[in-house]
């Protein structure tokens, strides 16, 4: 026969397991897997956010690089200045 202490130990273990499952959000995962439309919508929105973030990041990075190149030309640094002038000449010839 099972005594009270064993039952209490089992209850505490079950409670710990249920808390661990809640922390792991297993219920949310199961709900999401049973509703494929919701999963597709979540993934679509996440993809849009990533794409938008990359576009904004690339724009800012490109602007910083162009600003730095412009400053390098204005400072008339010999190596970089000549390199950039050659690039400008090639671009103007191809236009």
PDB file of N, CA and C in Angstrom:
ATOM      1  N   UNK A   1       0.841  -1.178   0.000  1.00  0.00           N
ATOM      2  CA  UNK A   1       0.000   0.000   0.000  1.00  0.00           C
ATOM      3  C   UNK A   1       0.896   1.255   0.000  1.00  0.00           C
ATOM      4  N   UNK A   2       0.454   2.303  -0.669  1.00  0.00           N
ATOM      5  CA  UNK A   2       1.216   3.550  -0.788  1.00  0.00           C
ATOM      6  C   UNK A   2       0.895   4.443   0.410  1.00  0.00           C
ATOM      7  N   UNK A   3       1.951   4.945   1.036  1.00  0.00           N
ATOM      8  CA  UNK A   3       1.697   5.821   2.181  1.00  0.00           C
ATOM      9  C   UNK A   3       1.651   7.287   1.730  1.00  0.00           C
ATOM     10  N   UNK A   4       1.316   8.175   2.667  1.00  0.00           N
ATOM     11  CA  UNK A   4       1.099   9.587   2.354  1.00  0.00           C
ATOM     12  C   UNK A   4       2.358  10.278   1.854  1.00  0.00           C
ATOM     13  N   UNK A   5       3.500   9.953   2.367  1.00  0.00           N
ATOM     14  CA  UNK A   5       4.740  10.624   1.951  1.00  0.00           C
ATOM     15  C   UNK A   5       5.065  10.341   0.491  1.00  0.00           C
ATOM     16  N   UNK A   6       4.837   9.128   0.053  1.00  0.00           N
ATOM     17  CA  UNK A   6       5.067   8.794  -1.355  1.00  0.00           C
ATOM     18  C   UNK A   6       4.107   9.560  -2.248  1.00  0.00           C
ATOM     19  N   UNK A   7       2.867   9.666  -1.848  1.00  0.00           N
ATOM     20  CA  UNK A   7       1.872  10.413  -2.623  1.00  0.00           C
ATOM     21  C   UNK A   7       2.266  11.881  -2.693  1.00  0.00           C
ATOM     22  N   UNK A   8       2.712  12.444  -1.574  1.00  0.00           N
ATOM     23  CA  UNK A   8       3.132  13.841  -1.547  1.00  0.00           C
ATOM     24  C   UNK A   8       4.357  14.058  -2.437  1.00  0.00           C
ATOM     25  N   UNK A   9       5.294  13.120  -2.423  1.00  0.00           N
ATOM     26  CA  UNK A   9       6.469  13.215  -3.292  1.00  0.00           C
ATOM     27  C   UNK A   9       6.059  13.169  -4.758  1.00  0.00           C
ATOM     28  N   UNK A  10       5.143  12.254  -5.091  1.00  0.00           N
ATOM     29  CA  UNK A  10       4.667  12.163  -6.471  1.00  0.00           C
ATOM     30  C   UNK A  10       3.941  13.444  -6.885  1.00  0.00           C
ATOM     31  N   UNK A  11       3.134  13.998  -5.986  1.00  0.00           N
ATOM     32  CA  UNK A  11       2.422  15.238  -6.290  1.00  0.00           C
ATOM     33  C   UNK A  11       3.398  16.375  -6.534  1.00  0.00           C
ATOM     34  N   UNK A  12       4.437  16.462  -5.712  1.00  0.00           N
ATOM     35  CA  UNK A  12       5.417  17.539  -5.906  1.00  0.00           C
ATOM     36  C   UNK A  12       6.178  17.361  -7.223  1.00  0.00           C
ATOM     37  N   UNK A  13       6.501  16.125  -7.575  1.00  0.00           N
ATOM     38  CA  UNK A  13       7.186  15.872  -8.848  1.00  0.00           C
ATOM     39  C   UNK A  13       6.288  16.230 -10.030  1.00  0.00           C
ATOM     40  N   UNK A  14       5.013  15.860  -9.955  1.00  0.00           N
ATOM     41  CA  UNK A  14       4.075  16.186 -11.029  1.00  0.00           C
ATOM     42  C   UNK A  14       3.934  17.698 -11.151  1.00  0.00           C
ATOM     43  N   UNK A  15       3.899  18.389 -10.018  1.00  0.00           N
ATOM     44  CA  UNK A  15       3.799  19.846 -10.040  1.00  0.00           C
ATOM     45  C   UNK A  15       5.039  20.468 -10.671  1.00  0.00           C
ATOM     46  N   UNK A  16       6.222  19.947 -10.342  1.00  0.00           N
ATOM     47  CA  UNK A  16       7.464  20.449 -10.939  1.00  0.00           C
ATOM     48  C   UNK A  16       7.469  20.230 -12.445  1.00  0.00           C
ATOM     49  N   UNK A  17       7.014  19.049 -12.861  1.00  0.00           N
ATOM     50  CA  UNK A  17       6.972  18.743 -14.297  1.00  0.00           C
ATOM     51  C   UNK A  17       6.000  19.671 -15.011  1.00  0.00           C
ATOM     52  N   UNK A  18       4.846  19.914 -14.395  1.00  0.00           N
ATOM     53  CA  UNK A  18       3.873  20.795 -15.041  1.00  0.00           C
ATOM     54  C   UNK A  18       4.405  22.225 -15.141  1.00  0.00           C
ATOM     55  N   UNK A  19       5.140  22.688 -14.131  1.00  0.00           N
ATOM     56  CA  UNK A  19       5.748  24.019 -14.201  1.00  0.00           C
ATOM     57  C   UNK A  19       6.807  24.089 -15.293  1.00  0.00           C
ATOM     58  N   UNK A  20       7.580  23.018 -15.418  1.00  0.00           N
ATOM     59  CA  UNK A  20       8.596  22.981 -16.477  1.00  0.00           C
ATOM     60  C   UNK A  20       7.950  23.017 -17.856  1.00  0.00           C
ATOM     61  N   UNK A  21       6.848  22.303 -18.026  1.00  0.00           N
ATOM     62  CA  UNK A  21       6.155  22.309 -19.308  1.00  0.00           C
ATOM     63  C   UNK A  21       5.551  23.681 -19.597  1.00  0.00           C
ATOM     64  N   UNK A  22       5.052  24.343 -18.559  1.00  0.00           N
ATOM     65  CA  UNK A  22       4.529  25.695 -18.751  1.00  0.00           C
ATOM     66  C   UNK A  22       5.640  26.639 -19.179  1.00  0.00           C
ATOM     67  N   UNK A  23       6.801  26.530 -18.559  1.00  0.00           N
ATOM     68  CA  UNK A  23       7.931  27.384 -18.928  1.00  0.00           C
ATOM     69  C   UNK A  23       8.375  27.111 -20.358  1.00  0.00           C
ATOM     70  N   UNK A  24       8.285  25.871 -20.792  1.00  0.00           N
ATOM     71  CA  UNK A  24       8.693  25.512 -22.153  1.00  0.00           C
ATOM     72  C   UNK A  24       7.631  25.883 -23.174  1.00  0.00           C
ATOM     73  N   UNK A  25       6.462  26.296 -22.716  1.00  0.00           N
ATOM     74  CA  UNK A  25       5.345  26.700 -23.576  1.00  0.00           C
ATOM     75  C   UNK A  25       4.950  25.595 -24.548  1.00  0.00           C
ATOM     76  N   UNK A  26       4.909  24.399 -24.069  1.00  0.00           N
ATOM     77  CA  UNK A  26       4.523  23.251 -24.883  1.00  0.00           C
ATOM     78  C   UNK A  26       3.081  23.403 -25.364  1.00  0.00           C
ATOM     79  N   UNK A  27       2.223  23.939 -24.497  1.00  0.00           N
ATOM     80  CA  UNK A  27       0.819  24.122 -24.871  1.00  0.00           C
ATOM     81  C   UNK A  27       0.667  25.061 -26.054  1.00  0.00           C
ATOM     82  N   UNK A  28       1.432  26.153 -26.057  1.00  0.00           N
ATOM     83  CA  UNK A  28       1.394  27.091 -27.179  1.00  0.00           C
ATOM     84  C   UNK A  28       1.896  26.427 -28.456  1.00  0.00           C
ATOM     85  N   UNK A  29       2.937  25.635 -28.321  1.00  0.00           N
ATOM     86  CA  UNK A  29       3.489  24.945 -29.482  1.00  0.00           C
ATOM     87  C   UNK A  29       2.472  23.981 -30.079  1.00  0.00           C
ATOM     88  N   UNK A  30       1.797  23.221 -29.228  1.00  0.00           N
ATOM     89  CA  UNK A  30       0.793  22.269 -29.707  1.00  0.00           C
ATOM     90  C   UNK A  30      -0.358  23.013 -30.377  1.00  0.00           C
ATOM     91  N   UNK A  31      -0.792  24.117 -29.770  1.00  0.00           N
ATOM     92  CA  UNK A  31      -1.862  24.921 -30.360  1.00  0.00           C
ATOM     93  C   UNK A  31      -1.451  25.442 -31.728  1.00  0.00           C
ATOM     94  N   UNK A  32      -0.219  25.917 -31.824  1.00  0.00           N
ATOM     95  CA  UNK A  32       0.256  26.447 -33.101  1.00  0.00           C
ATOM     96  C   UNK A  32       0.329  25.346 -34.167  1.00  0.00           C
ATOM     97  N   UNK A  33       0.755  24.166 -33.776  1.00  0.00           N
ATOM     98  CA  UNK A  33       0.872  23.075 -34.738  1.00  0.00           C
ATOM     99  C   UNK A  33      -0.499  22.577 -35.206  1.00  0.00           C
ATOM    100  N   UNK A  34      -1.518  22.733 -34.379  1.00  0.00           N
ATOM    101  CA  UNK A  34      -2.847  22.286 -34.791  1.00  0.00           C
ATOM    102  C   UNK A  34      -3.555  23.331 -35.635  1.00  0.00           C
ATOM    103  N   UNK A  35      -3.014  24.557 -35.675  1.00  0.00           N
ATOM    104  CA  UNK A  35      -3.608  25.624 -36.491  1.00  0.00           C
ATOM    105  C   UNK A  35      -2.568  26.101 -37.509  1.00  0.00           C
ATOM    106  N   UNK A  36      -2.497  25.448 -38.657  1.00  0.00           N
ATOM    107  CA  UNK A  36      -1.450  25.806 -39.619  1.00  0.00           C
ATOM    108  C   UNK A  36      -1.605  27.223 -40.184  1.00  0.00           C
ATOM    109  N   UNK A  37      -2.831  27.732 -40.261  1.00  0.00           N
ATOM    110  CA  UNK A  37      -3.009  29.094 -40.779  1.00  0.00           C
ATOM    111  C   UNK A  37      -2.355  30.113 -39.849  1.00  0.00           C
ATOM    112  N   UNK A  38      -2.507  29.908 -38.550  1.00  0.00           N
ATOM    113  CA  UNK A  38      -1.886  30.824 -37.588  1.00  0.00           C
ATOM    114  C   UNK A  38      -0.361  30.731 -37.672  1.00  0.00           C
ATOM    115  N   UNK A  39       0.155  29.523 -37.867  1.00  0.00           N
ATOM    116  CA  UNK A  39       1.597  29.344 -37.983  1.00  0.00           C
ATOM    117  C   UNK A  39       2.119  30.041 -39.247  1.00  0.00           C
ATOM    118  N   UNK A  40       1.398  29.904 -40.354  1.00  0.00           N
ATOM    119  CA  UNK A  40       1.816  30.562 -41.590  1.00  0.00           C
ATOM    120  C   UNK A  40       1.786  32.084 -41.436  1.00  0.00           C
ATOM    121  N   UNK A  41       0.750  32.590 -40.787  1.00  0.00           N
ATOM    122  CA  UNK A  41       0.642  34.031 -40.583  1.00  0.00           C
ATOM    123  C   UNK A  41       1.790  34.539 -39.708  1.00  0.00           C
ATOM    124  N   UNK A  42       2.089  33.823 -38.637  1.00  0.00           N
ATOM    125  CA  UNK A  42       3.207  34.227 -37.767  1.00  0.00           C
ATOM    126  C   UNK A  42       4.527  34.225 -38.527  1.00  0.00           C
ATOM    127  N   UNK A  43       4.764  33.189 -39.316  1.00  0.00           N
ATOM    128  CA  UNK A  43       6.015  33.111 -40.070  1.00  0.00           C
ATOM    129  C   UNK A  43       6.085  34.188 -41.151  1.00  0.00           C
ATOM    130  N   UNK A  44       4.952  34.497 -41.767  1.00  0.00           N
ATOM    131  CA  UNK A  44       4.913  35.540 -42.791  1.00  0.00           C
ATOM    132  C   UNK A  44       5.247  36.900 -42.188  1.00  0.00           C
ATOM    133  N   UNK A  45       4.641  37.198 -41.044  1.00  0.00           N
ATOM    134  CA  UNK A  45       4.899  38.480 -40.388  1.00  0.00           C
ATOM    135  C   UNK A  45       6.356  38.559 -39.929  1.00  0.00           C
ATOM    136  N   UNK A  46       6.893  37.454 -39.418  1.00  0.00           N
ATOM    137  CA  UNK A  46       8.295  37.430 -38.999  1.00  0.00           C
ATOM    138  C   UNK A  46       9.218  37.663 -40.203  1.00  0.00           C
ATOM    139  N   UNK A  47       8.885  37.077 -41.341  1.00  0.00           N
ATOM    140  CA  UNK A  47       9.683  37.276 -42.549  1.00  0.00           C
ATOM    141  C   UNK A  47       9.652  38.721 -43.028  1.00  0.00           C
ATOM    142  N   UNK A  48       8.468  39.333 -42.960  1.00  0.00           N
ATOM    143  CA  UNK A  48       8.366  40.745 -43.339  1.00  0.00           C
ATOM    144  C   UNK A  48       9.215  41.618 -42.425  1.00  0.00           C
ATOM    145  N   UNK A  49       9.159  41.339 -41.135  1.00  0.00           N
ATOM    146  CA  UNK A  49       9.934  42.128 -40.183  1.00  0.00           C
ATOM    147  C   UNK A  49      11.435  41.972 -40.436  1.00  0.00           C
ATOM    148  N   UNK A  50      11.875  40.743 -40.714  1.00  0.00           N
ATOM    149  CA  UNK A  50      13.303  40.529 -40.997  1.00  0.00           C
ATOM    150  C   UNK A  50      13.726  41.265 -42.266  1.00  0.00           C
ATOM    151  N   UNK A  51      12.911  41.163 -43.305  1.00  0.00           N
ATOM    152  CA  UNK A  51      13.231  41.838 -44.562  1.00  0.00           C
ATOM    153  C   UNK A  51      13.278  43.344 -44.405  1.00  0.00           C
ATOM    154  N   UNK A  52      12.311  43.894 -43.678  1.00  0.00           N
ATOM    155  CA  UNK A  52      12.276  45.334 -43.445  1.00  0.00           C
ATOM    156  C   UNK A  52      13.493  45.769 -42.638  1.00  0.00           C
ATOM    157  N   UNK A  53      13.848  44.988 -41.633  1.00  0.00           N
ATOM    158  CA  UNK A  53      15.017  45.304 -40.815  1.00  0.00           C
ATOM    159  C   UNK A  53      16.305  45.275 -41.629  1.00  0.00           C
ATOM    160  N   UNK A  54      16.421  44.285 -42.515  1.00  0.00           N
ATOM    161  CA  UNK A  54      17.626  44.210 -43.351  1.00  0.00           C
ATOM    162  C   UNK A  54      17.700  45.397 -44.301  1.00  0.00           C
ATOM    163  N   UNK A  55      16.555  45.798 -44.868  1.00  0.00           N
ATOM    164  CA  UNK A  55      16.540  46.932 -45.793  1.00  0.00           C
ATOM    165  C   UNK A  55      16.949  48.216 -45.083  1.00  0.00           C
ATOM    166  N   UNK A  56      16.395  48.439 -43.914  1.00  0.00           N
ATOM    167  CA  UNK A  56      16.742  49.646 -43.156  1.00  0.00           C
ATOM    168  C   UNK A  56      18.222  49.607 -42.753  1.00  0.00           C
ATOM    169  N   UNK A  57      18.686  48.450 -42.276  1.00  0.00           N
ATOM    170  CA  UNK A  57      20.080  48.319 -41.871  1.00  0.00           C
ATOM    171  C   UNK A  57      21.040  48.544 -43.025  1.00  0.00           C
ATOM    172  N   UNK A  58      20.719  47.977 -44.185  1.00  0.00           N
ATOM    173  CA  UNK A  58      21.593  48.153 -45.350  1.00  0.00           C
ATOM    174  C   UNK A  58      21.611  49.614 -45.796  1.00  0.00           C
ATOM    175  N   UNK A  59      20.453  50.279 -45.725  1.00  0.00           N
ATOM    176  CA  UNK A  59      20.384  51.685 -46.107  1.00  0.00           C
ATOM    177  C   UNK A  59      21.259  52.535 -45.198  1.00  0.00           C
ATOM    178  N   UNK A  60      21.165  52.290 -43.903  1.00  0.00           N
ATOM    179  CA  UNK A  60      21.974  53.066 -42.954  1.00  0.00           C
ATOM    180  C   UNK A  60      23.461  52.769 -43.154  1.00  0.00           C
ATOM    181  N   UNK A  61      23.803  51.497 -43.310  1.00  0.00           N
ATOM    182  CA  UNK A  61      25.197  51.122 -43.519  1.00  0.00           C
ATOM    183  C   UNK A  61      25.745  51.740 -44.806  1.00  0.00           C
ATOM    184  N   UNK A  62      24.958  51.696 -45.884  1.00  0.00           N
ATOM    185  CA  UNK A  62      25.385  52.296 -47.149  1.00  0.00           C
ATOM    186  C   UNK A  62      25.593  53.793 -47.028  1.00  0.00           C
ATOM    187  N   UNK A  63      24.692  54.459 -46.295  1.00  0.00           N
ATOM    188  CA  UNK A  63      24.831  55.906 -46.111  1.00  0.00           C
ATOM    189  C   UNK A  63      26.091  56.239 -45.330  1.00  0.00           C
ATOM    190  N   UNK A  64      26.390  55.449 -44.313  1.00  0.00           N
ATOM    191  CA  UNK A  64      27.605  55.690 -43.523  1.00  0.00           C
ATOM    192  C   UNK A  64      28.850  55.478 -44.376  1.00  0.00           C
ATOM    193  N   UNK A  65      28.858  54.425 -45.174  1.00  0.00           N
ATOM    194  CA  UNK A  65      30.019  54.155 -46.031  1.00  0.00           C
ATOM    195  C   UNK A  65      30.199  55.273 -47.055  1.00  0.00           C
ATOM    196  N   UNK A  66      29.105  55.721 -47.678  1.00  0.00           N
ATOM    197  CA  UNK A  66      29.216  56.818 -48.650  1.00  0.00           C
ATOM    198  C   UNK A  66      29.691  58.106 -47.989  1.00  0.00           C
ATOM    199  N   UNK A  67      29.204  58.371 -46.790  1.00  0.00           N
ATOM    200  CA  UNK A  67      29.641  59.566 -46.066  1.00  0.00           C
ATOM    201  C   UNK A  67      31.140  59.491 -45.781  1.00  0.00           C
ATOM    202  N   UNK A  68      31.599  58.314 -45.353  1.00  0.00           N
ATOM    203  CA  UNK A  68      33.026  58.161 -45.057  1.00  0.00           C
ATOM    204  C   UNK A  68      33.874  58.313 -46.324  1.00  0.00           C
ATOM    205  N   UNK A  69      33.406  57.764 -47.439  1.00  0.00           N
ATOM    206  CA  UNK A  69      34.142  57.922 -48.700  1.00  0.00           C
ATOM    207  C   UNK A  69      34.182  59.384 -49.122  1.00  0.00           C
ATOM    208  N   UNK A  70      33.076  60.073 -48.931  1.00  0.00           N
ATOM    209  CA  UNK A  70      33.018  61.496 -49.283  1.00  0.00           C
ATOM    210  C   UNK A  70      34.015  62.281 -48.436  1.00  0.00           C
ATOM    211  N   UNK A  71      34.071  61.974 -47.149  1.00  0.00           N
ATOM    212  CA  UNK A  71      35.022  62.657 -46.271  1.00  0.00           C
ATOM    213  C   UNK A  71      36.464  62.343 -46.671  1.00  0.00           C
ATOM    214  N   UNK A  72      36.701  61.116 -47.112  1.00  0.00           N
ATOM    215  CA  UNK A  72      38.051  60.733 -47.539  1.00  0.00           C
ATOM    216  C   UNK A  72      38.463  61.525 -48.773  1.00  0.00           C
ATOM    217  N   UNK A  73      37.512  61.752 -49.673  1.00  0.00           N
ATOM    218  CA  UNK A  73      37.822  62.534 -50.874  1.00  0.00           C
ATOM    219  C   UNK A  73      38.084  63.985 -50.487  1.00  0.00           C
ATOM    220  N   UNK A  74      37.266  64.511 -49.578  1.00  0.00           N
ATOM    221  CA  UNK A  74      37.448  65.905 -49.159  1.00  0.00           C
ATOM    222  C   UNK A  74      38.783  66.112 -48.436  1.00  0.00           C
ATOM    223  N   UNK A  75      39.235  65.094 -47.704  1.00  0.00           N
ATOM    224  CA  UNK A  75      40.529  65.204 -47.015  1.00  0.00           C
ATOM    225  C   UNK A  75      41.700  65.034 -47.973  1.00  0.00           C
ATOM    226  N   UNK A  76      41.377  64.576 -49.167  1.00  0.00           N
ATOM    227  CA  UNK A  76      42.374  64.395 -50.228  1.00  0.00           C
ATOM    228  C   UNK A  76      43.480  63.438 -49.799  1.00  0.00           C
ATOM    229  N   UNK A  77      43.079  62.307 -49.232  1.00  0.00           N
ATOM    230  CA  UNK A  77      44.038  61.266 -48.878  1.00  0.00           C
ATOM    231  C   UNK A  77      44.544  60.657 -50.189  1.00  0.00           C
ATOM    232  N   UNK A  78      45.846  60.607 -50.402  1.00  0.00           N
ATOM    233  CA  UNK A  78      46.393  60.241 -51.719  1.00  0.00           C
ATOM    234  C   UNK A  78      45.908  58.894 -52.267  1.00  0.00           C
ATOM    235  N   UNK A  79      46.032  57.833 -51.516  1.00  0.00           N
ATOM    236  CA  UNK A  79      45.713  56.511 -52.046  1.00  0.00           C
ATOM    237  C   UNK A  79      44.213  56.373 -52.268  1.00  0.00           C
ATOM    238  N   UNK A  80      43.445  56.700 -51.244  1.00  0.00           N
ATOM    239  CA  UNK A  80      41.998  56.542 -51.336  1.00  0.00           C
ATOM    240  C   UNK A  80      41.405  57.550 -52.312  1.00  0.00           C
ATOM    241  N   UNK A  81      41.908  58.775 -52.291  1.00  0.00           N
ATOM    242  CA  UNK A  81      41.403  59.811 -53.201  1.00  0.00           C
ATOM    243  C   UNK A  81      41.589  59.420 -54.659  1.00  0.00           C
ATOM    244  N   UNK A  82      42.774  58.911 -55.004  1.00  0.00           N
ATOM    245  CA  UNK A  82      43.036  58.490 -56.389  1.00  0.00           C
ATOM    246  C   UNK A  82      42.144  57.315 -56.787  1.00  0.00           C
ATOM    247  N   UNK A  83      41.976  56.384 -55.854  1.00  0.00           N
ATOM    248  CA  UNK A  83      41.136  55.214 -56.125  1.00  0.00           C
ATOM    249  C   UNK A  83      39.688  55.633 -56.405  1.00  0.00           C
ATOM    250  N   UNK A  84      39.180  56.537 -55.595  1.00  0.00           N
ATOM    251  CA  UNK A  84      37.798  56.985 -55.767  1.00  0.00           C
ATOM    252  C   UNK A  84      37.655  57.799 -57.050  1.00  0.00           C
ATOM    253  N   UNK A  85      38.668  58.605 -57.385  1.00  0.00           N
ATOM    254  CA  UNK A  85      38.594  59.366 -58.634  1.00  0.00           C
ATOM    255  C   UNK A  85      38.560  58.452 -59.842  1.00  0.00           C
ATOM    256  N   UNK A  86      39.325  57.373 -59.790  1.00  0.00           N
ATOM    257  CA  UNK A  86      39.294  56.405 -60.887  1.00  0.00           C
ATOM    258  C   UNK A  86      37.912  55.758 -61.012  1.00  0.00           C
ATOM    259  N   UNK A  87      37.312  55.420 -59.876  1.00  0.00           N
ATOM    260  CA  UNK A  87      35.968  54.826 -59.900  1.00  0.00           C
ATOM    261  C   UNK A  87      34.978  55.807 -60.500  1.00  0.00           C
ATOM    262  N   UNK A  88      35.049  57.077 -60.115  1.00  0.00           N
ATOM    263  CA  UNK A  88      34.135  58.102 -60.643  1.00  0.00           C
ATOM    264  C   UNK A  88      34.337  58.236 -62.148  1.00  0.00           C
ATOM    265  N   UNK A  89      35.577  58.236 -62.611  1.00  0.00           N
ATOM    266  CA  UNK A  89      35.849  58.354 -64.052  1.00  0.00           C
ATOM    267  C   UNK A  89      35.262  57.175 -64.821  1.00  0.00           C
ATOM    268  N   UNK A  90      35.420  55.967 -64.282  1.00  0.00           N
ATOM    269  CA  UNK A  90      34.880  54.776 -64.951  1.00  0.00           C
ATOM    270  C   UNK A  90      33.366  54.843 -65.018  1.00  0.00           C
ATOM    271  N   UNK A  91      32.737  55.276 -63.942  1.00  0.00           N
ATOM    272  CA  UNK A  91      31.282  55.373 -63.927  1.00  0.00           C
ATOM    273  C   UNK A  91      30.815  56.423 -64.936  1.00  0.00           C
ATOM    274  N   UNK A  92      31.484  57.562 -65.001  1.00  0.00           N
ATOM    275  CA  UNK A  92      31.079  58.616 -65.930  1.00  0.00           C
ATOM    276  C   UNK A  92      31.286  58.197 -67.386  1.00  0.00           C
ATOM    277  N   UNK A  93      32.320  57.424 -67.676  1.00  0.00           N
ATOM    278  CA  UNK A  93      32.551  56.943 -69.030  1.00  0.00           C
ATOM    279  C   UNK A  93      31.473  55.966 -69.481  1.00  0.00           C
ATOM    280  N   UNK A  94      30.986  55.154 -68.528  1.00  0.00           N
ATOM    281  CA  UNK A  94      29.974  54.155 -68.873  1.00  0.00           C
ATOM    282  C   UNK A  94      28.572  54.725 -68.937  1.00  0.00           C
ATOM    283  N   UNK A  95      28.382  55.936 -68.478  1.00  0.00           N
ATOM    284  CA  UNK A  95      27.043  56.540 -68.533  1.00  0.00           C
ATOM    285  C   UNK A  95      26.821  57.081 -69.873  1.00  0.00           C
TER     286      UNK A  95
END
